[in-house]
């Protein structure tokens, strides 16, 4: 059994929180942020059971500012 740390990107869409894991591509939702992330964890674990990740380095997550208008 393996373990890895993943990122959850969460945003509000209508009345539900949508959580997305950019490293794997899984997406889930919930009525609260906590529910959305818990559902994403479950979806990601199920996905990884079927499609294990290759051994690679962890991606770097950063932010940047874009000026527009």
Protein backbone atom coordinates (compact mmCIF):
# COMPACT_ATOMS: atom_id res chain seq x y z
CA UNK A 1 0.00 0.00 0.00
CA UNK A 2 1.37 3.42 -0.99
CA UNK A 3 0.67 6.91 0.23
CA UNK A 4 1.14 10.32 -1.39
CA UNK A 5 0.23 13.93 -0.70
CA UNK A 6 -2.05 15.60 -3.27
CA UNK A 7 -3.47 19.08 -3.89
CA UNK A 8 -7.16 19.95 -3.70
CA UNK A 9 -8.31 23.05 -5.58
CA UNK A 10 -11.78 24.04 -4.33
CA UNK A 11 -14.25 26.56 -5.71
CA UNK A 12 -17.92 27.34 -5.16
CA UNK A 13 -20.22 26.53 -8.08
CA UNK A 14 -23.86 27.49 -7.52
CA UNK A 15 -24.61 25.97 -4.09
CA UNK A 16 -21.95 23.22 -4.11
CA UNK A 17 -18.20 23.21 -3.53
CA UNK A 18 -16.26 21.54 -6.33
CA UNK A 19 -12.88 20.00 -5.47
CA UNK A 20 -10.32 19.05 -8.10
CA UNK A 21 -7.01 17.18 -7.82
CA UNK A 22 -4.72 18.59 -10.54
CA UNK A 23 -2.09 15.87 -10.15
CA UNK A 24 -4.54 13.09 -11.01
CA UNK A 25 -7.46 14.87 -12.70
CA UNK A 26 -10.15 13.64 -10.32
CA UNK A 27 -13.06 15.92 -9.41
CA UNK A 28 -15.80 15.73 -6.78
CA UNK A 29 -18.25 17.97 -4.97
CA UNK A 30 -19.98 18.51 -1.64
CA UNK A 31 -22.19 20.89 0.29
CA UNK A 32 -19.21 22.04 2.39
CA UNK A 33 -15.50 22.40 1.65
CA UNK A 34 -14.82 19.50 4.01
CA UNK A 35 -17.37 17.27 2.25
CA UNK A 36 -15.98 18.17 -1.17
CA UNK A 37 -12.40 17.34 -0.11
CA UNK A 38 -13.48 14.09 1.61
CA UNK A 39 -15.35 13.06 -1.56
CA UNK A 40 -12.32 14.01 -3.66
CA UNK A 41 -10.08 11.86 -1.44
CA UNK A 42 -12.42 8.89 -1.92
CA UNK A 43 -12.61 9.44 -5.70
CA UNK A 44 -8.83 9.81 -5.97
CA UNK A 45 -8.15 6.65 -3.95
CA UNK A 46 -10.56 4.68 -6.16
CA UNK A 47 -8.92 6.08 -9.29
CA UNK A 48 -5.42 5.23 -8.06
CA UNK A 49 -6.48 1.65 -7.30
CA UNK A 50 -7.25 1.24 -11.00
CA UNK A 51 -4.55 3.54 -12.44
CA UNK A 52 -1.49 3.75 -10.16
CA UNK A 53 0.77 6.78 -10.57
CA UNK A 54 4.17 6.28 -12.17
CA UNK A 55 7.15 7.04 -9.94
CA UNK A 56 7.85 10.72 -10.66
CA UNK A 57 8.72 13.80 -8.67
CA UNK A 58 5.97 15.87 -7.11
CA UNK A 59 4.89 18.89 -9.20
CA UNK A 60 5.65 22.37 -7.91
CA UNK A 61 2.58 24.45 -7.07
CA UNK A 62 2.96 28.23 -7.14
CA UNK A 63 0.93 31.33 -7.93
CA UNK A 64 1.41 34.33 -10.20
CA UNK A 65 -0.33 37.65 -10.81
CA UNK A 66 -1.63 38.62 -14.24
CA UNK A 67 -2.34 42.25 -15.11
CA UNK A 68 -5.18 42.82 -17.53
CA UNK A 69 -7.70 45.39 -18.68
